[in-house]
N, C-alpha and C. Protein backbone atom coordinates (compact mmCIF):
# COMPACT_ATOMS: atom_id res chain seq x y z
N MET A 1 3.82 -15.04 -10.46
CA MET A 1 4.69 -14.45 -9.46
C MET A 1 3.84 -13.70 -8.43
N ASN A 2 4.12 -13.91 -7.17
CA ASN A 2 3.42 -13.20 -6.10
C ASN A 2 3.72 -11.71 -6.18
N LEU A 3 2.76 -10.91 -5.80
CA LEU A 3 2.98 -9.46 -5.81
C LEU A 3 4.17 -9.05 -4.97
N SER A 4 4.36 -9.69 -3.83
CA SER A 4 5.46 -9.29 -2.94
C SER A 4 6.83 -9.60 -3.53
N GLU A 5 6.88 -10.39 -4.59
CA GLU A 5 8.15 -10.71 -5.26
C GLU A 5 8.45 -9.74 -6.39
N LYS A 6 7.50 -8.90 -6.74
CA LYS A 6 7.69 -7.94 -7.83
C LYS A 6 8.31 -6.66 -7.31
N THR A 7 8.80 -5.85 -8.23
CA THR A 7 9.37 -4.54 -7.92
C THR A 7 8.52 -3.48 -8.60
N CYS A 8 8.33 -2.37 -7.93
CA CYS A 8 7.56 -1.29 -8.51
C CYS A 8 8.28 -0.71 -9.72
N ILE A 9 7.50 -0.43 -10.76
CA ILE A 9 8.01 0.20 -11.97
C ILE A 9 7.46 1.61 -11.97
N PRO A 10 8.32 2.63 -12.12
CA PRO A 10 7.83 4.00 -12.05
C PRO A 10 6.68 4.25 -13.03
N CYS A 11 5.65 4.87 -12.51
CA CYS A 11 4.49 5.24 -13.33
C CYS A 11 4.67 6.71 -13.71
N ARG A 12 4.75 6.96 -14.98
CA ARG A 12 4.99 8.33 -15.46
C ARG A 12 3.69 9.05 -15.81
N GLY A 13 2.58 8.42 -15.54
CA GLY A 13 1.30 9.03 -15.87
C GLY A 13 0.91 8.71 -17.32
N GLY A 14 -0.17 9.30 -17.76
CA GLY A 14 -0.62 9.09 -19.12
C GLY A 14 -1.29 7.75 -19.36
N ILE A 15 -1.55 7.01 -18.31
CA ILE A 15 -2.26 5.73 -18.42
C ILE A 15 -3.47 5.79 -17.51
N PRO A 16 -4.49 5.02 -17.81
CA PRO A 16 -5.66 5.03 -16.92
C PRO A 16 -5.38 4.23 -15.64
N PRO A 17 -6.02 4.61 -14.55
CA PRO A 17 -5.92 3.78 -13.34
C PRO A 17 -6.62 2.45 -13.57
N LEU A 18 -6.36 1.51 -12.69
CA LEU A 18 -7.03 0.21 -12.76
C LEU A 18 -8.54 0.39 -12.65
N ALA A 19 -9.26 -0.40 -13.42
CA ALA A 19 -10.71 -0.44 -13.28
C ALA A 19 -11.05 -1.16 -11.98
N LEU A 20 -12.24 -0.95 -11.47
CA LEU A 20 -12.65 -1.55 -10.21
C LEU A 20 -12.50 -3.06 -10.23
N ASP A 21 -12.89 -3.73 -11.31
CA ASP A 21 -12.78 -5.19 -11.35
C ASP A 21 -11.32 -5.65 -11.35
N GLU A 22 -10.42 -4.88 -11.97
CA GLU A 22 -9.00 -5.22 -11.94
C GLU A 22 -8.45 -5.05 -10.52
N ALA A 23 -8.85 -3.97 -9.86
CA ALA A 23 -8.42 -3.73 -8.48
C ALA A 23 -8.93 -4.83 -7.56
N GLU A 24 -10.16 -5.24 -7.73
CA GLU A 24 -10.72 -6.31 -6.90
C GLU A 24 -9.97 -7.63 -7.10
N THR A 25 -9.54 -7.90 -8.31
CA THR A 25 -8.76 -9.11 -8.58
C THR A 25 -7.42 -9.06 -7.85
N LEU A 26 -6.73 -7.93 -7.93
CA LEU A 26 -5.43 -7.80 -7.24
C LEU A 26 -5.60 -7.78 -5.73
N LEU A 27 -6.73 -7.27 -5.25
CA LEU A 27 -6.98 -7.19 -3.81
C LEU A 27 -6.90 -8.57 -3.15
N ALA A 28 -7.24 -9.61 -3.88
CA ALA A 28 -7.18 -10.97 -3.34
C ALA A 28 -5.76 -11.34 -2.92
N GLN A 29 -4.76 -10.67 -3.50
CA GLN A 29 -3.37 -10.96 -3.16
C GLN A 29 -2.82 -10.01 -2.09
N ALA A 30 -3.69 -9.17 -1.54
CA ALA A 30 -3.30 -8.24 -0.48
C ALA A 30 -4.28 -8.37 0.68
N PRO A 31 -4.19 -9.47 1.42
CA PRO A 31 -5.14 -9.71 2.51
C PRO A 31 -5.21 -8.55 3.51
N ASP A 32 -6.41 -8.29 3.97
CA ASP A 32 -6.74 -7.31 5.00
C ASP A 32 -6.73 -5.86 4.51
N TRP A 33 -6.44 -5.64 3.25
CA TRP A 33 -6.54 -4.30 2.67
C TRP A 33 -7.95 -4.12 2.16
N ARG A 34 -8.38 -2.87 2.00
CA ARG A 34 -9.71 -2.60 1.48
C ARG A 34 -9.63 -1.48 0.45
N LEU A 35 -10.52 -1.56 -0.50
CA LEU A 35 -10.63 -0.53 -1.52
C LEU A 35 -11.53 0.58 -1.00
N LEU A 36 -11.14 1.80 -1.28
CA LEU A 36 -11.92 2.98 -0.90
C LEU A 36 -12.20 3.83 -2.14
N GLU A 37 -13.13 4.75 -2.01
CA GLU A 37 -13.43 5.74 -3.05
C GLU A 37 -13.61 5.10 -4.43
N ASN A 38 -14.53 4.15 -4.50
CA ASN A 38 -14.86 3.47 -5.76
C ASN A 38 -13.65 2.78 -6.39
N GLY A 39 -12.81 2.22 -5.54
CA GLY A 39 -11.66 1.46 -6.05
C GLY A 39 -10.50 2.31 -6.51
N THR A 40 -10.39 3.55 -6.00
CA THR A 40 -9.27 4.41 -6.39
C THR A 40 -8.22 4.54 -5.30
N ARG A 41 -8.49 3.97 -4.14
CA ARG A 41 -7.56 4.02 -3.01
C ARG A 41 -7.52 2.64 -2.35
N LEU A 42 -6.37 2.34 -1.73
CA LEU A 42 -6.15 1.05 -1.07
C LEU A 42 -5.65 1.33 0.34
N GLU A 43 -6.34 0.82 1.36
CA GLU A 43 -6.02 1.17 2.74
C GLU A 43 -6.04 -0.05 3.66
N ARG A 44 -5.19 0.03 4.66
CA ARG A 44 -5.21 -0.98 5.73
C ARG A 44 -4.82 -0.31 7.04
N GLN A 45 -5.50 -0.72 8.11
CA GLN A 45 -5.13 -0.27 9.44
C GLN A 45 -4.43 -1.42 10.16
N PHE A 46 -3.33 -1.10 10.81
CA PHE A 46 -2.54 -2.07 11.56
C PHE A 46 -2.61 -1.71 13.04
N ARG A 47 -2.64 -2.72 13.89
CA ARG A 47 -2.68 -2.53 15.35
C ARG A 47 -1.37 -3.02 15.98
N PHE A 48 -0.94 -2.31 17.02
CA PHE A 48 0.30 -2.64 17.71
C PHE A 48 0.11 -2.51 19.21
N LYS A 49 1.07 -3.04 19.95
CA LYS A 49 0.93 -3.05 21.41
C LYS A 49 1.14 -1.68 22.04
N ASP A 50 1.85 -0.78 21.34
CA ASP A 50 2.11 0.54 21.91
C ASP A 50 2.61 1.49 20.83
N PHE A 51 2.93 2.70 21.24
CA PHE A 51 3.39 3.72 20.30
C PHE A 51 4.71 3.34 19.66
N ALA A 52 5.64 2.83 20.44
CA ALA A 52 6.97 2.49 19.91
C ALA A 52 6.88 1.43 18.81
N ALA A 53 6.01 0.45 18.99
CA ALA A 53 5.85 -0.59 17.97
C ALA A 53 5.24 -0.01 16.69
N ALA A 54 4.27 0.90 16.84
CA ALA A 54 3.67 1.55 15.67
C ALA A 54 4.71 2.39 14.94
N LEU A 55 5.51 3.13 15.68
CA LEU A 55 6.55 3.96 15.08
C LEU A 55 7.59 3.11 14.35
N ALA A 56 8.00 2.01 14.94
CA ALA A 56 8.97 1.13 14.30
C ALA A 56 8.42 0.59 12.98
N PHE A 57 7.15 0.23 12.98
CA PHE A 57 6.50 -0.25 11.75
C PHE A 57 6.48 0.85 10.70
N VAL A 58 6.08 2.05 11.08
CA VAL A 58 6.03 3.17 10.14
C VAL A 58 7.41 3.41 9.55
N ASN A 59 8.44 3.33 10.36
CA ASN A 59 9.80 3.51 9.84
C ASN A 59 10.17 2.42 8.84
N ARG A 60 9.77 1.18 9.09
CA ARG A 60 10.03 0.10 8.13
C ARG A 60 9.28 0.33 6.82
N VAL A 61 8.04 0.79 6.92
CA VAL A 61 7.27 1.10 5.72
C VAL A 61 7.96 2.23 4.94
N GLY A 62 8.45 3.23 5.65
CA GLY A 62 9.15 4.33 4.99
C GLY A 62 10.40 3.88 4.27
N GLU A 63 11.16 2.99 4.89
CA GLU A 63 12.37 2.46 4.25
C GLU A 63 12.01 1.67 3.00
N LEU A 64 10.96 0.85 3.07
CA LEU A 64 10.49 0.09 1.92
C LEU A 64 10.05 1.05 0.80
N ALA A 65 9.30 2.07 1.15
CA ALA A 65 8.82 3.04 0.16
C ALA A 65 9.99 3.72 -0.56
N GLU A 66 11.02 4.06 0.17
CA GLU A 66 12.19 4.67 -0.45
C GLU A 66 12.88 3.70 -1.41
N ARG A 67 13.02 2.45 -1.00
CA ARG A 67 13.65 1.45 -1.88
C ARG A 67 12.86 1.24 -3.16
N GLU A 68 11.53 1.20 -3.03
CA GLU A 68 10.67 0.91 -4.17
C GLU A 68 10.31 2.16 -4.98
N GLY A 69 10.53 3.34 -4.39
CA GLY A 69 10.17 4.56 -5.09
C GLY A 69 8.67 4.76 -5.22
N HIS A 70 7.93 4.22 -4.26
CA HIS A 70 6.46 4.34 -4.27
C HIS A 70 6.01 4.59 -2.83
N HIS A 71 5.44 5.76 -2.59
CA HIS A 71 5.24 6.23 -1.22
C HIS A 71 3.76 6.32 -0.84
N PRO A 72 3.42 5.79 0.34
CA PRO A 72 2.04 5.85 0.83
C PRO A 72 1.80 7.10 1.66
N ASP A 73 0.55 7.33 1.96
CA ASP A 73 0.18 8.27 3.01
C ASP A 73 0.05 7.40 4.27
N ILE A 74 0.65 7.87 5.37
CA ILE A 74 0.64 7.10 6.61
C ILE A 74 0.17 8.01 7.74
N ALA A 75 -0.74 7.49 8.55
CA ALA A 75 -1.16 8.15 9.78
C ALA A 75 -0.95 7.15 10.90
N PHE A 76 -0.38 7.61 12.02
CA PHE A 76 -0.19 6.67 13.12
C PHE A 76 -0.26 7.38 14.45
N GLY A 77 -0.47 6.56 15.46
CA GLY A 77 -0.53 7.06 16.83
C GLY A 77 -0.32 5.89 17.77
N TRP A 78 -0.74 6.04 18.99
CA TRP A 78 -0.53 5.00 19.98
C TRP A 78 -1.25 3.72 19.54
N GLY A 79 -0.45 2.71 19.23
CA GLY A 79 -1.00 1.39 18.96
C GLY A 79 -1.61 1.17 17.59
N SER A 80 -1.48 2.12 16.67
CA SER A 80 -2.07 1.89 15.36
C SER A 80 -1.35 2.68 14.27
N ALA A 81 -1.49 2.19 13.05
CA ALA A 81 -0.98 2.89 11.87
C ALA A 81 -1.93 2.58 10.72
N THR A 82 -2.26 3.59 9.95
CA THR A 82 -3.08 3.42 8.76
C THR A 82 -2.23 3.78 7.56
N VAL A 83 -2.20 2.86 6.59
CA VAL A 83 -1.40 3.05 5.39
C VAL A 83 -2.37 3.14 4.21
N LEU A 84 -2.19 4.16 3.39
CA LEU A 84 -3.05 4.41 2.24
C LEU A 84 -2.19 4.52 0.98
N PHE A 85 -2.52 3.71 -0.01
CA PHE A 85 -1.81 3.76 -1.29
C PHE A 85 -2.74 4.21 -2.40
N TYR A 86 -2.20 4.99 -3.30
CA TYR A 86 -2.75 5.25 -4.62
C TYR A 86 -1.64 5.91 -5.42
N THR A 87 -1.76 5.88 -6.71
CA THR A 87 -0.73 6.45 -7.57
C THR A 87 -1.16 7.87 -7.94
N HIS A 88 -0.43 8.83 -7.41
CA HIS A 88 -0.79 10.24 -7.56
C HIS A 88 -0.86 10.67 -9.03
N LYS A 89 0.07 10.19 -9.84
CA LYS A 89 0.13 10.64 -11.24
C LYS A 89 -1.09 10.24 -12.06
N ILE A 90 -1.79 9.19 -11.62
CA ILE A 90 -2.99 8.77 -12.36
C ILE A 90 -4.24 8.91 -11.49
N ASN A 91 -4.07 9.44 -10.29
CA ASN A 91 -5.17 9.65 -9.34
C ASN A 91 -6.05 8.41 -9.19
N GLY A 92 -5.39 7.29 -9.01
CA GLY A 92 -6.09 6.02 -8.84
C GLY A 92 -5.09 4.92 -8.56
N LEU A 93 -5.52 3.70 -8.74
CA LEU A 93 -4.67 2.57 -8.40
C LEU A 93 -3.94 2.01 -9.62
N HIS A 94 -2.74 1.54 -9.34
CA HIS A 94 -1.84 0.91 -10.32
C HIS A 94 -1.38 -0.38 -9.67
N GLU A 95 -0.87 -1.30 -10.44
CA GLU A 95 -0.34 -2.53 -9.86
C GLU A 95 0.67 -2.25 -8.77
N ASN A 96 1.45 -1.18 -8.89
CA ASN A 96 2.45 -0.82 -7.87
C ASN A 96 1.83 -0.71 -6.48
N ASP A 97 0.62 -0.19 -6.40
CA ASP A 97 -0.03 -0.03 -5.10
C ASP A 97 -0.27 -1.38 -4.44
N PHE A 98 -0.62 -2.36 -5.23
CA PHE A 98 -0.86 -3.70 -4.70
C PHE A 98 0.45 -4.42 -4.38
N ILE A 99 1.49 -4.15 -5.17
CA ILE A 99 2.82 -4.69 -4.86
C ILE A 99 3.25 -4.18 -3.50
N MET A 100 3.09 -2.89 -3.28
CA MET A 100 3.49 -2.31 -2.00
C MET A 100 2.62 -2.83 -0.85
N ALA A 101 1.33 -2.98 -1.07
CA ALA A 101 0.45 -3.52 -0.02
C ALA A 101 0.91 -4.91 0.38
N ALA A 102 1.23 -5.74 -0.58
CA ALA A 102 1.69 -7.11 -0.27
C ALA A 102 3.00 -7.07 0.50
N LYS A 103 3.89 -6.17 0.13
CA LYS A 103 5.18 -6.05 0.84
C LYS A 103 5.00 -5.50 2.25
N VAL A 104 4.10 -4.53 2.40
CA VAL A 104 3.83 -3.99 3.73
C VAL A 104 3.24 -5.07 4.62
N ASN A 105 2.38 -5.91 4.07
CA ASN A 105 1.84 -7.03 4.86
C ASN A 105 2.97 -7.87 5.45
N GLU A 106 4.01 -8.10 4.68
CA GLU A 106 5.13 -8.91 5.17
C GLU A 106 5.89 -8.20 6.29
N LEU A 107 5.89 -6.88 6.30
CA LEU A 107 6.56 -6.12 7.35
C LEU A 107 5.81 -6.17 8.68
N SER A 108 4.52 -6.46 8.60
CA SER A 108 3.70 -6.42 9.82
C SER A 108 3.72 -7.72 10.61
N VAL A 109 4.38 -8.73 10.08
CA VAL A 109 4.38 -10.03 10.76
C VAL A 109 5.39 -10.06 11.87
């Protein structure tokens, strides 16, 4: 099953974050995203024609995050938005982060 077809399952903590090799394997299903901080963060920068387009995208990402119950850190400005995922309860990456990255990719098309 593609990551974008999955639904986030709440992470209650008490589990280890993904190992770097596991994160790298999932990264193949989230084109244009990159691993940061030794594979504990997942980030992508998106480009847009203007501020309004960036804001509209950020709002779509916010709506998706609310539906899935998994929220990114987002920074945006004129013509760009940066989305950062990690699972706060485990201070690292979980499959949910990659599910969300794949879904966010679909919003940017």
